[in-house]
Amino acid sequence: EVVIYPNFVDVPGAYRKVALLEAKGDANATDERDFRESMRRQAAKLGANGIILERGLELGPKGRLVAAVLNVQSTRYRHATAILVESPVR
């Protein structure tokens, strides 16, 4: 199971960074749950048991409006760090 932690301070024990992850999707069709599940799958494939989500990158309201008027797809991006929690504290 891959646990999502809000930040590094919340990790319950020693950990090491495994990889930087990226997920992207259409701004109109992708929600936060899609991003989280995509990154969980990526982390699990790498043997990680946790991820730290980072702020996403996406167009603001004006940018989305311009993309819609021009009929151009706008893309949202999310990044995370996959970690291996080595000694969880209970």
PDB file of N, CA and C in Angstrom:
ATOM      1  N   GLU A   1       0.835  -1.183   0.000  1.00  0.00           N
ATOM      2  CA  GLU A   1       0.000   0.000   0.000  1.00  0.00           C
ATOM      3  C   GLU A   1       0.882   1.250   0.000  1.00  0.00           C
ATOM      4  N   VAL A   2       0.536   2.205  -0.812  1.00  0.00           N
ATOM      5  CA  VAL A   2       1.267   3.466  -0.907  1.00  0.00           C
ATOM      6  C   VAL A   2       0.453   4.549  -0.189  1.00  0.00           C
ATOM      7  N   VAL A   3       1.047   5.123   0.846  1.00  0.00           N
ATOM      8  CA  VAL A   3       0.386   6.143   1.651  1.00  0.00           C
ATOM      9  C   VAL A   3       0.752   7.520   1.117  1.00  0.00           C
ATOM     10  N   ILE A   4      -0.239   8.408   1.077  1.00  0.00           N
ATOM     11  CA  ILE A   4       0.009   9.789   0.659  1.00  0.00           C
ATOM     12  C   ILE A   4       0.185  10.638   1.910  1.00  0.00           C
ATOM     13  N   TYR A   5       1.338  11.301   2.002  1.00  0.00           N
ATOM     14  CA  TYR A   5       1.623  12.196   3.123  1.00  0.00           C
ATOM     15  C   TYR A   5       1.544  13.639   2.630  1.00  0.00           C
ATOM     16  N   PRO A   6       1.000  14.551   3.450  1.00  0.00           N
ATOM     17  CA  PRO A   6       0.878  15.949   3.022  1.00  0.00           C
ATOM     18  C   PRO A   6       2.220  16.650   2.860  1.00  0.00           C
ATOM     19  N   ASN A   7       3.215  16.250   3.655  1.00  0.00           N
ATOM     20  CA  ASN A   7       4.559  16.823   3.531  1.00  0.00           C
ATOM     21  C   ASN A   7       5.562  15.910   4.228  1.00  0.00           C
ATOM     22  N   PHE A   8       6.829  16.204   4.078  1.00  0.00           N
ATOM     23  CA  PHE A   8       7.878  15.337   4.612  1.00  0.00           C
ATOM     24  C   PHE A   8       7.857  15.250   6.133  1.00  0.00           C
ATOM     25  N   VAL A   9       7.420  16.303   6.798  1.00  0.00           N
ATOM     26  CA  VAL A   9       7.382  16.321   8.267  1.00  0.00           C
ATOM     27  C   VAL A   9       6.401  15.272   8.802  1.00  0.00           C
ATOM     28  N   ASP A  10       5.380  14.943   8.026  1.00  0.00           N
ATOM     29  CA  ASP A  10       4.351  14.005   8.471  1.00  0.00           C
ATOM     30  C   ASP A  10       4.714  12.532   8.264  1.00  0.00           C
ATOM     31  N   VAL A  11       5.851  12.247   7.657  1.00  0.00           N
ATOM     32  CA  VAL A  11       6.263  10.857   7.443  1.00  0.00           C
ATOM     33  C   VAL A  11       6.638  10.261   8.804  1.00  0.00           C
ATOM     34  N   PRO A  12       6.034   9.113   9.161  1.00  0.00           N
ATOM     35  CA  PRO A  12       6.224   8.550  10.497  1.00  0.00           C
ATOM     36  C   PRO A  12       7.490   7.707  10.649  1.00  0.00           C
ATOM     37  N   GLY A  13       8.626   8.289  10.437  1.00  0.00           N
ATOM     38  CA  GLY A  13       9.871   7.553  10.616  1.00  0.00           C
ATOM     39  C   GLY A  13      10.898   7.914   9.557  1.00  0.00           C
ATOM     40  N   ALA A  14      11.977   7.167   9.573  1.00  0.00           N
ATOM     41  CA  ALA A  14      13.047   7.391   8.597  1.00  0.00           C
ATOM     42  C   ALA A  14      12.570   6.962   7.208  1.00  0.00           C
ATOM     43  N   TYR A  15      13.018   7.685   6.201  1.00  0.00           N
ATOM     44  CA  TYR A  15      12.635   7.371   4.831  1.00  0.00           C
ATOM     45  C   TYR A  15      13.770   7.753   3.905  1.00  0.00           C
ATOM     46  N   ARG A  16      13.675   7.229   2.685  1.00  0.00           N
ATOM     47  CA  ARG A  16      14.595   7.679   1.641  1.00  0.00           C
ATOM     48  C   ARG A  16      13.782   7.961   0.387  1.00  0.00           C
ATOM     49  N   LYS A  17      14.251   8.927  -0.362  1.00  0.00           N
ATOM     50  CA  LYS A  17      13.572   9.307  -1.602  1.00  0.00           C
ATOM     51  C   LYS A  17      13.892   8.272  -2.674  1.00  0.00           C
ATOM     52  N   VAL A  18      12.880   7.849  -3.395  1.00  0.00           N
ATOM     53  CA  VAL A  18      13.036   6.830  -4.426  1.00  0.00           C
ATOM     54  C   VAL A  18      13.038   7.455  -5.825  1.00  0.00           C
ATOM     55  N   ALA A  19      12.085   8.366  -6.076  1.00  0.00           N
ATOM     56  CA  ALA A  19      11.967   8.943  -7.414  1.00  0.00           C
ATOM     57  C   ALA A  19      11.062  10.171  -7.382  1.00  0.00           C
ATOM     58  N   LEU A  20      11.202  11.000  -8.402  1.00  0.00           N
ATOM     59  CA  LEU A  20      10.263  12.104  -8.623  1.00  0.00           C
ATOM     60  C   LEU A  20       9.235  11.614  -9.630  1.00  0.00           C
ATOM     61  N   LEU A  21       7.973  11.858  -9.347  1.00  0.00           N
ATOM     62  CA  LEU A  21       6.888  11.373 -10.195  1.00  0.00           C
ATOM     63  C   LEU A  21       6.158  12.536 -10.845  1.00  0.00           C
ATOM     64  N   GLU A  22       5.563  12.261 -12.009  1.00  0.00           N
ATOM     65  CA  GLU A  22       4.753  13.269 -12.680  1.00  0.00           C
ATOM     66  C   GLU A  22       3.511  12.601 -13.242  1.00  0.00           C
ATOM     67  N   ALA A  23       2.403  13.281 -13.120  1.00  0.00           N
ATOM     68  CA  ALA A  23       1.156  12.850 -13.758  1.00  0.00           C
ATOM     69  C   ALA A  23       0.584  14.065 -14.475  1.00  0.00           C
ATOM     70  N   LYS A  24      -0.030  13.830 -15.608  1.00  0.00           N
ATOM     71  CA  LYS A  24      -0.646  14.942 -16.331  1.00  0.00           C
ATOM     72  C   LYS A  24      -1.945  14.462 -16.949  1.00  0.00           C
ATOM     73  N   GLY A  25      -2.826  15.405 -17.195  1.00  0.00           N
ATOM     74  CA  GLY A  25      -4.101  15.062 -17.796  1.00  0.00           C
ATOM     75  C   GLY A  25      -4.809  16.294 -18.313  1.00  0.00           C
ATOM     76  N   ASP A  26      -5.830  16.063 -19.102  1.00  0.00           N
ATOM     77  CA  ASP A  26      -6.637  17.142 -19.650  1.00  0.00           C
ATOM     78  C   ASP A  26      -7.275  17.918 -18.505  1.00  0.00           C
ATOM     79  N   ALA A  27      -7.181  19.224 -18.550  1.00  0.00           N
ATOM     80  CA  ALA A  27      -7.697  20.073 -17.480  1.00  0.00           C
ATOM     81  C   ALA A  27      -9.196  19.908 -17.284  1.00  0.00           C
ATOM     82  N   ASN A  28      -9.918  19.549 -18.325  1.00  0.00           N
ATOM     83  CA  ASN A  28     -11.366  19.418 -18.221  1.00  0.00           C
ATOM     84  C   ASN A  28     -11.821  18.012 -17.846  1.00  0.00           C
ATOM     85  N   ALA A  29     -10.927  17.022 -17.898  1.00  0.00           N
ATOM     86  CA  ALA A  29     -11.354  15.637 -17.681  1.00  0.00           C
ATOM     87  C   ALA A  29     -10.632  14.936 -16.534  1.00  0.00           C
ATOM     88  N   THR A  30      -9.648  15.565 -15.926  1.00  0.00           N
ATOM     89  CA  THR A  30      -8.851  14.920 -14.895  1.00  0.00           C
ATOM     90  C   THR A  30      -9.068  15.610 -13.562  1.00  0.00           C
ATOM     91  N   ASP A  31      -9.336  14.808 -12.525  1.00  0.00           N
ATOM     92  CA  ASP A  31      -9.499  15.408 -11.206  1.00  0.00           C
ATOM     93  C   ASP A  31      -8.367  14.959 -10.274  1.00  0.00           C
ATOM     94  N   GLU A  32      -8.358  15.483  -9.071  1.00  0.00           N
ATOM     95  CA  GLU A  32      -7.277  15.188  -8.120  1.00  0.00           C
ATOM     96  C   GLU A  32      -7.175  13.703  -7.795  1.00  0.00           C
ATOM     97  N   ARG A  33      -8.307  13.028  -7.700  1.00  0.00           N
ATOM     98  CA  ARG A  33      -8.288  11.585  -7.416  1.00  0.00           C
ATOM     99  C   ARG A  33      -7.537  10.833  -8.510  1.00  0.00           C
ATOM    100  N   ASP A  34      -7.754  11.213  -9.772  1.00  0.00           N
ATOM    101  CA  ASP A  34      -7.041  10.584 -10.887  1.00  0.00           C
ATOM    102  C   ASP A  34      -5.533  10.747 -10.724  1.00  0.00           C
ATOM    103  N   PHE A  35      -5.107  11.964 -10.348  1.00  0.00           N
ATOM    104  CA  PHE A  35      -3.675  12.213 -10.168  1.00  0.00           C
ATOM    105  C   PHE A  35      -3.104  11.369  -9.032  1.00  0.00           C
ATOM    106  N   ARG A  36      -3.810  11.336  -7.909  1.00  0.00           N
ATOM    107  CA  ARG A  36      -3.317  10.577  -6.751  1.00  0.00           C
ATOM    108  C   ARG A  36      -3.186   9.099  -7.073  1.00  0.00           C
ATOM    109  N   GLU A  37      -4.190   8.539  -7.727  1.00  0.00           N
ATOM    110  CA  GLU A  37      -4.148   7.113  -8.056  1.00  0.00           C
ATOM    111  C   GLU A  37      -3.050   6.800  -9.069  1.00  0.00           C
ATOM    112  N   SER A  38      -2.849   7.680 -10.038  1.00  0.00           N
ATOM    113  CA  SER A  38      -1.780   7.488 -11.010  1.00  0.00           C
ATOM    114  C   SER A  38      -0.419   7.464 -10.313  1.00  0.00           C
ATOM    115  N   MET A  39      -0.223   8.399  -9.398  1.00  0.00           N
ATOM    116  CA  MET A  39       1.068   8.462  -8.704  1.00  0.00           C
ATOM    117  C   MET A  39       1.245   7.312  -7.722  1.00  0.00           C
ATOM    118  N   ARG A  40       0.172   6.857  -7.114  1.00  0.00           N
ATOM    119  CA  ARG A  40       0.270   5.671  -6.248  1.00  0.00           C
ATOM    120  C   ARG A  40       0.727   4.457  -7.052  1.00  0.00           C
ATOM    121  N   ARG A  41       0.140   4.277  -8.227  1.00  0.00           N
ATOM    122  CA  ARG A  41       0.539   3.142  -9.080  1.00  0.00           C
ATOM    123  C   ARG A  41       2.005   3.261  -9.491  1.00  0.00           C
ATOM    124  N   GLN A  42       2.422   4.471  -9.896  1.00  0.00           N
ATOM    125  CA  GLN A  42       3.821   4.675 -10.286  1.00  0.00           C
ATOM    126  C   GLN A  42       4.756   4.342  -9.128  1.00  0.00           C
ATOM    127  N   ALA A  43       4.422   4.830  -7.928  1.00  0.00           N
ATOM    128  CA  ALA A  43       5.262   4.605  -6.755  1.00  0.00           C
ATOM    129  C   ALA A  43       5.336   3.120  -6.411  1.00  0.00           C
ATOM    130  N   ALA A  44       4.209   2.432  -6.459  1.00  0.00           N
ATOM    131  CA  ALA A  44       4.185   1.006  -6.136  1.00  0.00           C
ATOM    132  C   ALA A  44       5.080   0.211  -7.088  1.00  0.00           C
ATOM    133  N   LYS A  45       5.068   0.560  -8.372  1.00  0.00           N
ATOM    134  CA  LYS A  45       5.919  -0.134  -9.352  1.00  0.00           C
ATOM    135  C   LYS A  45       7.399   0.027  -9.022  1.00  0.00           C
ATOM    136  N   LEU A  46       7.744   1.131  -8.350  1.00  0.00           N
ATOM    137  CA  LEU A  46       9.142   1.399  -7.994  1.00  0.00           C
ATOM    138  C   LEU A  46       9.513   0.834  -6.620  1.00  0.00           C
ATOM    139  N   GLY A  47       8.554   0.222  -5.939  1.00  0.00           N
ATOM    140  CA  GLY A  47       8.819  -0.340  -4.623  1.00  0.00           C
ATOM    141  C   GLY A  47       8.678   0.655  -3.486  1.00  0.00           C
ATOM    142  N   ALA A  48       8.134   1.823  -3.764  1.00  0.00           N
ATOM    143  CA  ALA A  48       7.941   2.839  -2.723  1.00  0.00           C
ATOM    144  C   ALA A  48       6.672   2.515  -1.938  1.00  0.00           C
ATOM    145  N   ASN A  49       6.611   2.990  -0.700  1.00  0.00           N
ATOM    146  CA  ASN A  49       5.404   2.778   0.101  1.00  0.00           C
ATOM    147  C   ASN A  49       4.780   4.093   0.567  1.00  0.00           C
ATOM    148  N   GLY A  50       5.246   5.201  -0.009  1.00  0.00           N
ATOM    149  CA  GLY A  50       4.670   6.500   0.320  1.00  0.00           C
ATOM    150  C   GLY A  50       4.958   7.504  -0.774  1.00  0.00           C
ATOM    151  N   ILE A  51       4.153   8.562  -0.815  1.00  0.00           N
ATOM    152  CA  ILE A  51       4.414   9.678  -1.714  1.00  0.00           C
ATOM    153  C   ILE A  51       4.096  10.984  -0.996  1.00  0.00           C
ATOM    154  N   ILE A  52       4.826  12.019  -1.396  1.00  0.00           N
ATOM    155  CA  ILE A  52       4.587  13.377  -0.923  1.00  0.00           C
ATOM    156  C   ILE A  52       4.108  14.166  -2.137  1.00  0.00           C
ATOM    157  N   LEU A  53       2.863  14.625  -2.104  1.00  0.00           N
ATOM    158  CA  LEU A  53       2.325  15.395  -3.230  1.00  0.00           C
ATOM    159  C   LEU A  53       2.828  16.827  -3.190  1.00  0.00           C
ATOM    160  N   GLU A  54       3.080  17.365  -4.364  1.00  0.00           N
ATOM    161  CA  GLU A  54       3.485  18.761  -4.488  1.00  0.00           C
ATOM    162  C   GLU A  54       2.384  19.535  -5.187  1.00  0.00           C
ATOM    163  N   ARG A  55       2.474  20.839  -5.117  1.00  0.00           N
ATOM    164  CA  ARG A  55       1.464  21.674  -5.794  1.00  0.00           C
ATOM    165  C   ARG A  55       1.469  21.386  -7.282  1.00  0.00           C
ATOM    166  N   GLY A  56       0.304  21.507  -7.876  1.00  0.00           N
ATOM    167  CA  GLY A  56       0.176  21.249  -9.293  1.00  0.00           C
ATOM    168  C   GLY A  56       0.411  22.481 -10.140  1.00  0.00           C
ATOM    169  N   LEU A  57       0.573  22.235 -11.406  1.00  0.00           N
ATOM    170  CA  LEU A  57       0.732  23.310 -12.381  1.00  0.00           C
ATOM    171  C   LEU A  57      -0.433  23.246 -13.351  1.00  0.00           C
ATOM    172  N   GLU A  58      -1.115  24.357 -13.502  1.00  0.00           N
ATOM    173  CA  GLU A  58      -2.212  24.406 -14.451  1.00  0.00           C
ATOM    174  C   GLU A  58      -2.531  25.847 -14.796  1.00  0.00           C
ATOM    175  N   LEU A  59      -3.293  25.997 -15.853  1.00  0.00           N
ATOM    176  CA  LEU A  59      -3.708  27.331 -16.272  1.00  0.00           C
ATOM    177  C   LEU A  59      -4.706  27.902 -15.271  1.00  0.00           C
ATOM    178  N   GLY A  60      -4.669  29.194 -15.114  1.00  0.00           N
ATOM    179  CA  GLY A  60      -5.661  29.880 -14.301  1.00  0.00           C
ATOM    180  C   GLY A  60      -6.941  30.058 -15.095  1.00  0.00           C
ATOM    181  N   PRO A  61      -7.931  30.723 -14.512  1.00  0.00           N
ATOM    182  CA  PRO A  61      -9.216  30.909 -15.197  1.00  0.00           C
ATOM    183  C   PRO A  61      -9.096  31.603 -16.556  1.00  0.00           C
ATOM    184  N   LYS A  62      -8.260  32.620 -16.647  1.00  0.00           N
ATOM    185  CA  LYS A  62      -8.102  33.329 -17.932  1.00  0.00           C
ATOM    186  C   LYS A  62      -7.457  32.427 -18.968  1.00  0.00           C
ATOM    187  N   GLY A  63      -6.456  31.671 -18.550  1.00  0.00           N
ATOM    188  CA  GLY A  63      -5.787  30.750 -19.472  1.00  0.00           C
ATOM    189  C   GLY A  63      -6.723  29.662 -19.973  1.00  0.00           C
ATOM    190  N   ARG A  64      -7.578  29.131 -19.079  1.00  0.00           N
ATOM    191  CA  ARG A  64      -8.554  28.120 -19.493  1.00  0.00           C
ATOM    192  C   ARG A  64      -9.565  28.704 -20.468  1.00  0.00           C
ATOM    193  N   LEU A  65      -9.963  29.959 -20.234  1.00  0.00           N
ATOM    194  CA  LEU A  65     -10.902  30.622 -21.140  1.00  0.00           C
ATOM    195  C   LEU A  65     -10.289  30.786 -22.527  1.00  0.00           C
ATOM    196  N   VAL A  66      -9.050  31.238 -22.575  1.00  0.00           N
ATOM    197  CA  VAL A  66      -8.356  31.409 -23.855  1.00  0.00           C
ATOM    198  C   VAL A  66      -8.227  30.065 -24.559  1.00  0.00           C
ATOM    199  N   ALA A  67      -7.863  29.017 -23.817  1.00  0.00           N
ATOM    200  CA  ALA A  67      -7.736  27.680 -24.410  1.00  0.00           C
ATOM    201  C   ALA A  67      -9.072  27.217 -24.980  1.00  0.00           C
ATOM    202  N   ALA A  68     -10.176  27.496 -24.269  1.00  0.00           N
ATOM    203  CA  ALA A  68     -11.494  27.088 -24.746  1.00  0.00           C
ATOM    204  C   ALA A  68     -11.881  27.860 -26.009  1.00  0.00           C
ATOM    205  N   VAL A  69     -11.617  29.171 -26.018  1.00  0.00           N
ATOM    206  CA  VAL A  69     -11.950  29.996 -27.188  1.00  0.00           C
ATOM    207  C   VAL A  69     -11.145  29.540 -28.401  1.00  0.00           C
ATOM    208  N   LEU A  70      -9.872  29.205 -28.185  1.00  0.00           N
ATOM    209  CA  LEU A  70      -9.016  28.768 -29.289  1.00  0.00           C
ATOM    210  C   LEU A  70      -9.162  27.278 -29.595  1.00  0.00           C
ATOM    211  N   ASN A  71     -10.004  26.598 -28.800  1.00  0.00           N
ATOM    212  CA  ASN A  71     -10.215  25.165 -28.956  1.00  0.00           C
ATOM    213  C   ASN A  71      -8.897  24.387 -28.838  1.00  0.00           C
ATOM    214  N   VAL A  72      -8.123  24.742 -27.800  1.00  0.00           N
ATOM    215  CA  VAL A  72      -6.837  24.108 -27.539  1.00  0.00           C
ATOM    216  C   VAL A  72      -6.943  23.367 -26.211  1.00  0.00           C
ATOM    217  N   GLN A  73      -6.422  22.168 -26.174  1.00  0.00           N
ATOM    218  CA  GLN A  73      -6.445  21.398 -24.926  1.00  0.00           C
ATOM    219  C   GLN A  73      -5.510  22.030 -23.899  1.00  0.00           C
ATOM    220  N   SER A  74      -5.993  22.186 -22.684  1.00  0.00           N
ATOM    221  CA  SER A  74      -5.120  22.651 -21.604  1.00  0.00           C
ATOM    222  C   SER A  74      -4.802  21.451 -20.715  1.00  0.00           C
ATOM    223  N   THR A  75      -3.580  21.393 -20.243  1.00  0.00           N
ATOM    224  CA  THR A  75      -3.106  20.247 -19.485  1.00  0.00           C
ATOM    225  C   THR A  75      -2.779  20.650 -18.058  1.00  0.00           C
ATOM    226  N   ARG A  76      -3.158  19.789 -17.121  1.00  0.00           N
ATOM    227  CA  ARG A  76      -2.812  19.957 -15.711  1.00  0.00           C
ATOM    228  C   ARG A  76      -1.673  18.996 -15.391  1.00  0.00           C
ATOM    229  N   TYR A  77      -0.778  19.415 -14.514  1.00  0.00           N
ATOM    230  CA  TYR A  77       0.344  18.584 -14.102  1.00  0.00           C
ATOM    231  C   TYR A  77       0.369  18.469 -12.581  1.00  0.00           C
ATOM    232  N   ARG A  78       0.752  17.312 -12.090  1.00  0.00           N
ATOM    233  CA  ARG A  78       0.990  17.116 -10.663  1.00  0.00           C
ATOM    234  C   ARG A  78       2.325  16.394 -10.507  1.00  0.00           C
ATOM    235  N   HIS A  79       3.043  16.767  -9.471  1.00  0.00           N
ATOM    236  CA  HIS A  79       4.326  16.141  -9.174  1.00  0.00           C
ATOM    237  C   HIS A  79       4.297  15.589  -7.757  1.00  0.00           C
ATOM    238  N   ALA A  80       5.109  14.576  -7.526  1.00  0.00           N
ATOM    239  CA  ALA A  80       5.210  13.977  -6.200  1.00  0.00           C
ATOM    240  C   ALA A  80       6.580  13.350  -6.054  1.00  0.00           C
ATOM    241  N   THR A  81       6.967  13.114  -4.822  1.00  0.00           N
ATOM    242  CA  THR A  81       8.195  12.387  -4.528  1.00  0.00           C
ATOM    243  C   THR A  81       7.796  11.035  -3.960  1.00  0.00           C
ATOM    244  N   ALA A  82       8.270   9.964  -4.597  1.00  0.00           N
ATOM    245  CA  ALA A  82       8.038   8.615  -4.079  1.00  0.00           C
ATOM    246  C   ALA A  82       9.080   8.348  -3.002  1.00  0.00           C
ATOM    247  N   ILE A  83       8.641   7.799  -1.872  1.00  0.00           N
ATOM    248  CA  ILE A  83       9.557   7.527  -0.770  1.00  0.00           C
ATOM    249  C   ILE A  83       9.385   6.096  -0.275  1.00  0.00           C
ATOM    250  N   LEU A  84      10.421   5.601   0.370  1.00  0.00           N
ATOM    251  CA  LEU A  84      10.373   4.320   1.037  1.00  0.00           C
ATOM    252  C   LEU A  84      10.538   4.595   2.524  1.00  0.00           C
ATOM    253  N   VAL A  85       9.460   4.399   3.282  1.00  0.00           N
ATOM    254  CA  VAL A  85       9.516   4.596   4.725  1.00  0.00           C
ATOM    255  C   VAL A  85      10.167   3.342   5.291  1.00  0.00           C
ATOM    256  N   GLU A  86      11.359   3.513   5.868  1.00  0.00           N
ATOM    257  CA  GLU A  86      12.156   2.375   6.292  1.00  0.00           C
ATOM    258  C   GLU A  86      11.838   1.871   7.684  1.00  0.00           C
ATOM    259  N   SER A  87      11.511   2.777   8.588  1.00  0.00           N
ATOM    260  CA  SER A  87      11.222   2.346   9.957  1.00  0.00           C
ATOM    261  C   SER A  87      10.072   3.159  10.526  1.00  0.00           C
ATOM    262  N   PRO A  88       8.842   2.767  10.192  1.00  0.00           N
ATOM    263  CA  PRO A  88       7.707   3.528  10.688  1.00  0.00           C
ATOM    264  C   PRO A  88       7.635   3.532  12.210  1.00  0.00           C
ATOM    265  N   VAL A  89       7.259   4.658  12.763  1.00  0.00           N
ATOM    266  CA  VAL A  89       7.078   4.791  14.197  1.00  0.00           C
ATOM    267  C   VAL A  89       5.626   4.465  14.508  1.00  0.00           C
ATOM    268  N   ARG A  90       5.372   3.663  15.483  1.00  0.00           N
ATOM    269  CA  ARG A  90       3.989   3.297  15.826  1.00  0.00           C
ATOM    270  C   ARG A  90       3.581   3.853  17.141  1.00  0.00           C
TER     271      ARG A  90
END
